């Protein structure tokens, strides 16, 4: 599987790999990347079914999530010398968690934004797969209606009041509905292996970011920090799920502070 990416700035600088959320693409991170390119080399990845990355027509659907993780790791190994920094939001945060837990030698530090380590039991995953299949069919049947309903979810309430919301909504409508539906079926939380137990073996210094008003992910963040060695939770005041958009300056400040901080030897 080939996972294309856009490299911003000087390839000789420390690289930060950015993974976007569902409905997005690597270009979602461009505004952040432009603020970082003087100190870092941002790498903006398009996850399968998004941006320039198609959904492979062959392969085992049950292995797709971890296959994507391993393909990303292989691409990174080919592209430059480790260690990389890693940032993942929502769906991209779930992929980033799996990357750092299964390929820890690749990463110096990681920031996981509004994301979870998956569902703990097969019963929960089966229920989520059934729910996601219903969502995937809505995407295929009435994409514009789906986008409108998607942003009515409580976790996006603060984003809807943000000046950038209508621009983001327009960008989402450019996506290919068929690709997105397949991405949900193949990368959704219902098909992701649970990473809860693996968190206890974490070897990558990690910060979890959550928006104060995104109560579900604040609680998940607290649970992850309790299990995950060398990790902290940063809660962004007044923000919801998309805290990196809602308060970009604070997000950049916290990101740079963490990545620039020297680790104890």
C-alpha atoms as a PDB file:
ATOM      1  CA  UNK A   1       0.000   0.000   0.000  1.00  0.00           C
ATOM      2  CA  UNK A   2       1.397   3.394  -0.995  1.00  0.00           C
ATOM      3  CA  UNK A   3       0.475   6.246   1.366  1.00  0.00           C
ATOM      4  CA  UNK A   4       1.422   9.577  -0.266  1.00  0.00           C
ATOM      5  CA  UNK A   5       2.415  12.604   1.758  1.00  0.00           C
ATOM      6  CA  UNK A   6       3.366  16.243   1.276  1.00  0.00           C
ATOM      7  CA  UNK A   7       6.708  17.338   2.743  1.00  0.00           C
ATOM      8  CA  UNK A   8       6.852  21.013   3.764  1.00  0.00           C
ATOM      9  CA  UNK A   9      10.082  22.990   4.087  1.00  0.00           C
ATOM     10  CA  UNK A  10      13.645  21.828   4.703  1.00  0.00           C
ATOM     11  CA  UNK A  11      13.987  18.007   4.724  1.00  0.00           C
ATOM     12  CA  UNK A  12      17.087  18.402   6.874  1.00  0.00           C
ATOM     13  CA  UNK A  13      15.057  19.676   9.843  1.00  0.00           C
ATOM     14  CA  UNK A  14      13.388  17.339  12.376  1.00  0.00           C
ATOM     15  CA  UNK A  15      10.317  15.799  10.779  1.00  0.00           C
ATOM     16  CA  UNK A  16       6.801  15.929  12.227  1.00  0.00           C
ATOM     17  CA  UNK A  17       4.346  13.433  10.727  1.00  0.00           C
ATOM     18  CA  UNK A  18       0.751  14.738  10.803  1.00  0.00           C
ATOM     19  CA  UNK A  19      -2.272  12.409  10.507  1.00  0.00           C
ATOM     20  CA  UNK A  20      -5.708  13.949   9.860  1.00  0.00           C
ATOM     21  CA  UNK A  21      -9.199  12.968  10.991  1.00  0.00           C
ATOM     22  CA  UNK A  22     -12.113  11.344   9.137  1.00  0.00           C
ATOM     23  CA  UNK A  23     -13.351  13.458   6.181  1.00  0.00           C
ATOM     24  CA  UNK A  24     -10.074  15.394   6.124  1.00  0.00           C
ATOM     25  CA  UNK A  25      -6.742  15.148   4.298  1.00  0.00           C
ATOM     26  CA  UNK A  26      -3.121  16.013   4.879  1.00  0.00           C
ATOM     27  CA  UNK A  27      -3.842  19.563   3.706  1.00  0.00           C
ATOM     28  CA  UNK A  28      -5.934  20.084   6.864  1.00  0.00           C
ATOM     29  CA  UNK A  29      -2.595  20.627   8.600  1.00  0.00           C
ATOM     30  CA  UNK A  30      -1.189  23.181   6.128  1.00  0.00           C
ATOM     31  CA  UNK A  31      -1.856  26.244   8.312  1.00  0.00           C
ATOM     32  CA  UNK A  32      -0.116  24.532  11.242  1.00  0.00           C
ATOM     33  CA  UNK A  33       2.737  23.319   9.018  1.00  0.00           C
ATOM     34  CA  UNK A  34       3.426  26.831   7.702  1.00  0.00           C
ATOM     35  CA  UNK A  35       3.905  28.045  11.287  1.00  0.00           C
ATOM     36  CA  UNK A  36       6.349  25.219  12.014  1.00  0.00           C
ATOM     37  CA  UNK A  37       8.439  24.969   8.852  1.00  0.00           C
ATOM     38  CA  UNK A  38      11.199  27.264  10.148  1.00  0.00           C
ATOM     39  CA  UNK A  39      12.028  24.791  12.936  1.00  0.00           C
ATOM     40  CA  UNK A  40      10.663  21.493  11.633  1.00  0.00           C
ATOM     41  CA  UNK A  41       9.893  19.639   8.411  1.00  0.00           C
ATOM     42  CA  UNK A  42       6.149  18.795   8.515  1.00  0.00           C
ATOM     43  CA  UNK A  43       5.040  15.655   6.641  1.00  0.00           C
ATOM     44  CA  UNK A  44       1.311  15.771   5.788  1.00  0.00           C
ATOM     45  CA  UNK A  45      -0.120  12.307   5.114  1.00  0.00           C
ATOM     46  CA  UNK A  46      -3.327  11.467   3.219  1.00  0.00           C
ATOM     47  CA  UNK A  47      -4.837   8.418   4.927  1.00  0.00           C
ATOM     48  CA  UNK A  48      -6.595   5.778   2.750  1.00  0.00           C
ATOM     49  CA  UNK A  49      -9.853   6.994   1.209  1.00  0.00           C
ATOM     50  CA  UNK A  50      -8.886  10.628   1.779  1.00  0.00           C
ATOM     51  CA  UNK A  51      -7.075  13.195  -0.354  1.00  0.00           C
ATOM     52  CA  UNK A  52      -4.810  11.499  -2.901  1.00  0.00           C
ATOM     53  CA  UNK A  53      -4.775   8.054  -1.264  1.00  0.00           C
ATOM     54  CA  UNK A  54      -7.199   5.530  -2.774  1.00  0.00           C
ATOM     55  CA  UNK A  55      -8.679   2.521  -1.015  1.00  0.00           C
ATOM     56  CA  UNK A  56      -6.825  -0.613  -2.192  1.00  0.00           C
ATOM     57  CA  UNK A  57      -9.192  -2.992  -3.975  1.00  0.00           C
ATOM     58  CA  UNK A  58      -7.503  -6.120  -2.619  1.00  0.00           C
ATOM     59  CA  UNK A  59      -6.508  -7.331   0.808  1.00  0.00           C
ATOM     60  CA  UNK A  60      -8.054  -8.626   4.005  1.00  0.00           C
ATOM     61  CA  UNK A  61     -10.547  -6.089   5.491  1.00  0.00           C
ATOM     62  CA  UNK A  62      -9.903  -7.469   8.985  1.00  0.00           C
ATOM     63  CA  UNK A  63      -6.204  -6.619   8.595  1.00  0.00           C
ATOM     64  CA  UNK A  64      -6.708  -3.243   6.901  1.00  0.00           C
ATOM     65  CA  UNK A  65      -6.235  -1.022   9.955  1.00  0.00           C
ATOM     66  CA  UNK A  66      -2.946  -2.608  11.037  1.00  0.00           C
ATOM     67  CA  UNK A  67      -1.936  -3.007   7.388  1.00  0.00           C
ATOM     68  CA  UNK A  68      -2.274   0.770   7.028  1.00  0.00           C
ATOM     69  CA  UNK A  69      -0.200   1.302  10.181  1.00  0.00           C
ATOM     70  CA  UNK A  70       2.553  -1.013   8.944  1.00  0.00           C
ATOM     71  CA  UNK A  71       2.518   0.547   5.452  1.00  0.00           C
ATOM     72  CA  UNK A  72       2.937   4.007   6.989  1.00  0.00           C
ATOM     73  CA  UNK A  73       5.828   2.766   9.107  1.00  0.00           C
ATOM     74  CA  UNK A  74       7.488   1.261   6.016  1.00  0.00           C
ATOM     75  CA  UNK A  75       7.066   4.547   4.087  1.00  0.00           C
ATOM     76  CA  UNK A  76       8.625   6.504   6.953  1.00  0.00           C
ATOM     77  CA  UNK A  77      11.589   4.121   7.167  1.00  0.00           C
ATOM     78  CA  UNK A  78      12.213   4.599   3.444  1.00  0.00           C
ATOM     79  CA  UNK A  79      11.784   8.384   3.496  1.00  0.00           C
ATOM     80  CA  UNK A  80      14.224   9.579   6.170  1.00  0.00           C
ATOM     81  CA  UNK A  81      16.163   8.567   9.250  1.00  0.00           C
ATOM     82  CA  UNK A  82      14.253   8.179  12.518  1.00  0.00           C
ATOM     83  CA  UNK A  83      13.278   9.498  14.958  1.00  0.00           C
ATOM     84  CA  UNK A  84      10.226  11.438  13.801  1.00  0.00           C
ATOM     85  CA  UNK A  85       7.782  13.460  15.842  1.00  0.00           C
ATOM     86  CA  UNK A  86       4.175  12.318  15.449  1.00  0.00           C
ATOM     87  CA  UNK A  87       0.837  14.162  15.627  1.00  0.00           C
ATOM     88  CA  UNK A  88      -2.546  12.533  15.038  1.00  0.00           C
ATOM     89  CA  UNK A  89      -6.081  13.886  15.358  1.00  0.00           C
ATOM     90  CA  UNK A  90      -9.238  11.768  15.892  1.00  0.00           C
ATOM     91  CA  UNK A  91      -9.108   8.924  13.306  1.00  0.00           C
ATOM     92  CA  UNK A  92      -5.495   9.937  12.619  1.00  0.00           C
ATOM     93  CA  UNK A  93      -4.911   9.886  16.369  1.00  0.00           C
ATOM     94  CA  UNK A  94      -6.043   6.266  16.534  1.00  0.00           C
ATOM     95  CA  UNK A  95      -3.671   5.398  13.678  1.00  0.00           C
ATOM     96  CA  UNK A  96      -0.894   7.392  15.383  1.00  0.00           C
ATOM     97  CA  UNK A  97      -1.405   5.503  18.652  1.00  0.00           C
ATOM     98  CA  UNK A  98      -1.044   2.185  16.838  1.00  0.00           C
ATOM     99  CA  UNK A  99       2.035   3.482  14.994  1.00  0.00           C
ATOM    100  CA  UNK A 100       3.864   4.572  18.135  1.00  0.00           C
ATOM    101  CA  UNK A 101       2.929   1.423  20.069  1.00  0.00           C
ATOM    102  CA  UNK A 102       3.868  -1.018  17.287  1.00  0.00           C
ATOM    103  CA  UNK A 103       6.828   0.905  15.818  1.00  0.00           C
ATOM    104  CA  UNK A 104       8.257   2.829  18.806  1.00  0.00           C
ATOM    105  CA  UNK A 105      11.763   2.997  17.312  1.00  0.00           C
ATOM    106  CA  UNK A 106      10.465   5.443  14.678  1.00  0.00           C
ATOM    107  CA  UNK A 107       9.300   8.193  17.038  1.00  0.00           C
ATOM    108  CA  UNK A 108      10.938  10.555  19.489  1.00  0.00           C
ATOM    109  CA  UNK A 109       7.669  11.994  20.827  1.00  0.00           C
ATOM    110  CA  UNK A 110       3.959  11.901  19.973  1.00  0.00           C
ATOM    111  CA  UNK A 111       0.944  14.168  20.414  1.00  0.00           C
ATOM    112  CA  UNK A 112      -2.458  12.461  20.243  1.00  0.00           C
ATOM    113  CA  UNK A 113      -5.419  14.835  19.765  1.00  0.00           C
ATOM    114  CA  UNK A 114      -9.063  13.912  20.549  1.00  0.00           C
ATOM    115  CA  UNK A 115      -8.509  10.202  19.980  1.00  0.00           C
ATOM    116  CA  UNK A 116      -8.985   6.844  21.664  1.00  0.00           C
ATOM    117  CA  UNK A 117      -7.196   3.471  21.793  1.00  0.00           C
ATOM    118  CA  UNK A 118     -10.323   1.807  20.391  1.00  0.00           C
ATOM    119  CA  UNK A 119     -13.026  -0.283  22.027  1.00  0.00           C
ATOM    120  CA  UNK A 120     -12.156  -2.826  24.688  1.00  0.00           C
ATOM    121  CA  UNK A 121     -14.452  -5.743  23.754  1.00  0.00           C
ATOM    122  CA  UNK A 122     -15.523  -7.543  20.590  1.00  0.00           C
ATOM    123  CA  UNK A 123     -19.160  -6.907  21.532  1.00  0.00           C
ATOM    124  CA  UNK A 124     -18.532  -3.140  21.543  1.00  0.00           C
ATOM    125  CA  UNK A 125     -16.637  -3.365  18.253  1.00  0.00           C
ATOM    126  CA  UNK A 126     -19.418  -5.383  16.608  1.00  0.00           C
ATOM    127  CA  UNK A 127     -22.027  -2.822  17.692  1.00  0.00           C
ATOM    128  CA  UNK A 128     -19.825  -0.013  16.361  1.00  0.00           C
ATOM    129  CA  UNK A 129     -19.323  -1.783  13.010  1.00  0.00           C
ATOM    130  CA  UNK A 130     -23.098  -2.059  12.659  1.00  0.00           C
ATOM    131  CA  UNK A 131     -23.496   1.634  13.482  1.00  0.00           C
ATOM    132  CA  UNK A 132     -20.693   2.643  11.110  1.00  0.00           C
ATOM    133  CA  UNK A 133     -22.239   0.612   8.291  1.00  0.00           C
ATOM    134  CA  UNK A 134     -25.401   2.687   8.677  1.00  0.00           C
ATOM    135  CA  UNK A 135     -23.310   5.872   8.508  1.00  0.00           C
ATOM    136  CA  UNK A 136     -21.414   4.591   5.452  1.00  0.00           C
ATOM    137  CA  UNK A 137     -24.703   4.004   3.637  1.00  0.00           C
ATOM    138  CA  UNK A 138     -25.834   7.532   4.455  1.00  0.00           C
ATOM    139  CA  UNK A 139     -22.579   8.852   2.982  1.00  0.00           C
ATOM    140  CA  UNK A 140     -23.209   6.886  -0.220  1.00  0.00           C
ATOM    141  CA  UNK A 141     -26.875   7.844  -0.446  1.00  0.00           C
ATOM    142  CA  UNK A 142     -26.877  11.560   0.441  1.00  0.00           C
ATOM    143  CA  UNK A 143     -23.397  12.978   1.002  1.00  0.00           C
ATOM    144  CA  UNK A 144     -24.410  16.617   1.499  1.00  0.00           C
ATOM    145  CA  UNK A 145     -27.071  15.597   4.005  1.00  0.00           C
ATOM    146  CA  UNK A 146     -24.518  13.461   5.819  1.00  0.00           C
ATOM    147  CA  UNK A 147     -22.017  16.352   6.100  1.00  0.00           C
ATOM    148  CA  UNK A 148     -24.716  18.579   7.582  1.00  0.00           C
ATOM    149  CA  UNK A 149     -25.735  15.904  10.100  1.00  0.00           C
ATOM    150  CA  UNK A 150     -22.095  15.089  10.947  1.00  0.00           C
ATOM    151  CA  UNK A 151     -21.407  18.601  12.170  1.00  0.00           C
ATOM    152  CA  UNK A 152     -24.607  18.637  14.232  1.00  0.00           C
ATOM    153  CA  UNK A 153     -22.921  16.223  16.645  1.00  0.00           C
ATOM    154  CA  UNK A 154     -22.318  17.756  20.105  1.00  0.00           C
ATOM    155  CA  UNK A 155     -18.534  17.278  19.857  1.00  0.00           C
ATOM    156  CA  UNK A 156     -18.475  19.818  16.993  1.00  0.00           C
ATOM    157  CA  UNK A 157     -20.661  22.446  18.712  1.00  0.00           C
ATOM    158  CA  UNK A 158     -17.731  24.797  19.363  1.00  0.00           C
ATOM    159  CA  UNK A 159     -16.365  24.343  15.822  1.00  0.00           C
ATOM    160  CA  UNK A 160     -19.699  25.424  14.312  1.00  0.00           C
ATOM    161  CA  UNK A 161     -19.268  28.841  15.940  1.00  0.00           C
ATOM    162  CA  UNK A 162     -15.717  29.239  14.634  1.00  0.00           C
ATOM    163  CA  UNK A 163     -14.962  31.639  11.728  1.00  0.00           C
ATOM    164  CA  UNK A 164     -13.343  28.806   9.730  1.00  0.00           C
ATOM    165  CA  UNK A 165     -16.333  26.447   9.973  1.00  0.00           C
ATOM    166  CA  UNK A 166     -17.947  27.179   6.604  1.00  0.00           C
ATOM    167  CA  UNK A 167     -14.602  26.880   4.817  1.00  0.00           C
ATOM    168  CA  UNK A 168     -14.016  23.500   6.486  1.00  0.00           C
ATOM    169  CA  UNK A 169     -17.518  22.338   5.575  1.00  0.00           C
ATOM    170  CA  UNK A 170     -16.942  23.310   1.915  1.00  0.00           C
ATOM    171  CA  UNK A 171     -13.660  21.384   1.846  1.00  0.00           C
ATOM    172  CA  UNK A 172     -15.339  18.274   3.236  1.00  0.00           C
ATOM    173  CA  UNK A 173     -17.858  18.278   0.374  1.00  0.00           C
ATOM    174  CA  UNK A 174     -15.022  17.927  -2.173  1.00  0.00           C
ATOM    175  CA  UNK A 175     -14.322  14.386  -0.942  1.00  0.00           C
ATOM    176  CA  UNK A 176     -15.293  11.231  -2.827  1.00  0.00           C
ATOM    177  CA  UNK A 177     -18.274   9.725  -0.923  1.00  0.00           C
ATOM    178  CA  UNK A 178     -17.528   6.159  -2.020  1.00  0.00           C
ATOM    179  CA  UNK A 179     -13.956   6.366  -0.771  1.00  0.00           C
ATOM    180  CA  UNK A 180     -15.058   7.865   2.549  1.00  0.00           C
ATOM    181  CA  UNK A 181     -17.680   5.171   3.089  1.00  0.00           C
ATOM    182  CA  UNK A 182     -15.053   2.470   2.519  1.00  0.00           C
ATOM    183  CA  UNK A 183     -12.589   4.286   4.791  1.00  0.00           C
ATOM    184  CA  UNK A 184     -15.163   4.229   7.582  1.00  0.00           C
ATOM    185  CA  UNK A 185     -15.729   0.506   7.062  1.00  0.00           C
ATOM    186  CA  UNK A 186     -11.992  -0.259   7.008  1.00  0.00           C
ATOM    187  CA  UNK A 187     -10.488   2.271   9.455  1.00  0.00           C
ATOM    188  CA  UNK A 188     -13.402   2.900  11.838  1.00  0.00           C
ATOM    189  CA  UNK A 189     -13.254   2.256  15.564  1.00  0.00           C
ATOM    190  CA  UNK A 190     -15.253  -0.950  15.088  1.00  0.00           C
ATOM    191  CA  UNK A 191     -12.463  -2.616  13.073  1.00  0.00           C
ATOM    192  CA  UNK A 192      -9.522  -1.198  15.027  1.00  0.00           C
ATOM    193  CA  UNK A 193      -7.852  -3.667  17.395  1.00  0.00           C
ATOM    194  CA  UNK A 194      -8.029  -2.496  21.005  1.00  0.00           C
ATOM    195  CA  UNK A 195      -4.842  -0.734  22.072  1.00  0.00           C
ATOM    196  CA  UNK A 196      -5.790  -0.350  25.740  1.00  0.00           C
ATOM    197  CA  UNK A 197      -3.528  -3.150  27.014  1.00  0.00           C
ATOM    198  CA  UNK A 198      -0.644  -2.069  24.757  1.00  0.00           C
ATOM    199  CA  UNK A 199      -0.666   1.417  26.336  1.00  0.00           C
ATOM    200  CA  UNK A 200       1.015   0.011  29.444  1.00  0.00           C
ATOM    201  CA  UNK A 201       4.062  -0.874  27.311  1.00  0.00           C
ATOM    202  CA  UNK A 202       4.420   2.566  25.714  1.00  0.00           C
ATOM    203  CA  UNK A 203       8.023   3.682  25.121  1.00  0.00           C
ATOM    204  CA  UNK A 204       7.378   7.010  23.328  1.00  0.00           C
ATOM    205  CA  UNK A 205       6.977  10.219  25.394  1.00  0.00           C
ATOM    206  CA  UNK A 206       3.374  11.224  24.694  1.00  0.00           C
ATOM    207  CA  UNK A 207       1.020  14.128  25.272  1.00  0.00           C
ATOM    208  CA  UNK A 208      -2.720  13.606  24.937  1.00  0.00           C
ATOM    209  CA  UNK A 209      -4.679  16.743  23.983  1.00  0.00           C
ATOM    210  CA  UNK A 210      -8.439  17.067  24.593  1.00  0.00           C
ATOM    211  CA  UNK A 211     -10.882  19.976  24.468  1.00  0.00           C
ATOM    212  CA  UNK A 212     -12.499  20.934  27.771  1.00  0.00           C
ATOM    213  CA  UNK A 213     -15.992  20.711  26.245  1.00  0.00           C
ATOM    214  CA  UNK A 214     -15.334  17.337  24.585  1.00  0.00           C
ATOM    215  CA  UNK A 215     -16.203  15.422  27.758  1.00  0.00           C
ATOM    216  CA  UNK A 216     -15.986  11.937  26.253  1.00  0.00           C
ATOM    217  CA  UNK A 217     -12.407  12.441  25.100  1.00  0.00           C
ATOM    218  CA  UNK A 218     -11.355  14.229  28.282  1.00  0.00           C
ATOM    219  CA  UNK A 219     -12.368  11.089  30.165  1.00  0.00           C
ATOM    220  CA  UNK A 220     -10.662   8.792  27.628  1.00  0.00           C
ATOM    221  CA  UNK A 221      -7.545  10.958  27.925  1.00  0.00           C
ATOM    222  CA  UNK A 222      -7.559  10.576  31.711  1.00  0.00           C
ATOM    223  CA  UNK A 223      -7.883   6.809  31.410  1.00  0.00           C
ATOM    224  CA  UNK A 224      -5.055   6.634  28.861  1.00  0.00           C
ATOM    225  CA  UNK A 225      -2.675   8.710  31.011  1.00  0.00           C
ATOM    226  CA  UNK A 226      -3.349   6.395  33.966  1.00  0.00           C
ATOM    227  CA  UNK A 227      -2.184   3.428  31.878  1.00  0.00           C
ATOM    228  CA  UNK A 228       0.450   4.966  29.629  1.00  0.00           C
ATOM    229  CA  UNK A 229       4.013   5.489  30.938  1.00  0.00           C
ATOM    230  CA  UNK A 230       5.724   8.829  30.172  1.00  0.00           C
ATOM    231  CA  UNK A 231       2.502  10.596  29.206  1.00  0.00           C
ATOM    232  CA  UNK A 232       0.512  13.677  30.207  1.00  0.00           C
ATOM    233  CA  UNK A 233      -2.931  15.079  29.413  1.00  0.00           C
ATOM    234  CA  UNK A 234      -3.383  18.682  28.287  1.00  0.00           C
ATOM    235  CA  UNK A 235      -6.979  19.980  28.414  1.00  0.00           C
ATOM    236  CA  UNK A 236      -7.695  22.987  26.176  1.00  0.00           C
ATOM    237  CA  UNK A 237     -10.008  25.456  27.889  1.00  0.00           C
ATOM    238  CA  UNK A 238     -13.163  26.407  25.988  1.00  0.00           C
ATOM    239  CA  UNK A 239     -12.464  23.995  23.117  1.00  0.00           C
ATOM    240  CA  UNK A 240     -14.277  20.966  21.738  1.00  0.00           C
ATOM    241  CA  UNK A 241     -13.122  18.072  19.546  1.00  0.00           C
ATOM    242  CA  UNK A 242     -11.261  20.216  16.976  1.00  0.00           C
ATOM    243  CA  UNK A 243      -9.070  22.075  19.469  1.00  0.00           C
ATOM    244  CA  UNK A 244      -6.219  22.419  16.942  1.00  0.00           C
ATOM    245  CA  UNK A 245      -8.532  24.577  14.805  1.00  0.00           C
ATOM    246  CA  UNK A 246     -10.472  26.296  17.572  1.00  0.00           C
ATOM    247  CA  UNK A 247      -7.334  27.559  19.338  1.00  0.00           C
ATOM    248  CA  UNK A 248      -4.526  27.099  16.818  1.00  0.00           C
ATOM    249  CA  UNK A 249      -2.102  29.445  18.597  1.00  0.00           C
ATOM    250  CA  UNK A 250      -2.367  27.564  21.892  1.00  0.00           C
ATOM    251  CA  UNK A 251      -2.106  24.241  20.036  1.00  0.00           C
ATOM    252  CA  UNK A 252       1.107  25.386  18.322  1.00  0.00           C
ATOM    253  CA  UNK A 253       2.518  26.714  21.578  1.00  0.00           C
ATOM    254  CA  UNK A 254       1.878  23.456  23.459  1.00  0.00           C
ATOM    255  CA  UNK A 255       3.160  21.367  20.535  1.00  0.00           C
ATOM    256  CA  UNK A 256       6.449  23.266  20.242  1.00  0.00           C
ATOM    257  CA  UNK A 257       6.953  23.392  24.012  1.00  0.00           C
ATOM    258  CA  UNK A 258       6.616  19.599  24.207  1.00  0.00           C
ATOM    259  CA  UNK A 259       8.729  18.803  21.138  1.00  0.00           C
ATOM    260  CA  UNK A 260      11.474  21.259  22.130  1.00  0.00           C
ATOM    261  CA  UNK A 261      11.703  20.050  25.728  1.00  0.00           C
ATOM    262  CA  UNK A 262      14.816  17.990  26.425  1.00  0.00           C
ATOM    263  CA  UNK A 263      14.085  14.535  27.786  1.00  0.00           C
ATOM    264  CA  UNK A 264      15.959  13.443  30.941  1.00  0.00           C
ATOM    265  CA  UNK A 265      18.961  11.334  29.964  1.00  0.00           C
END
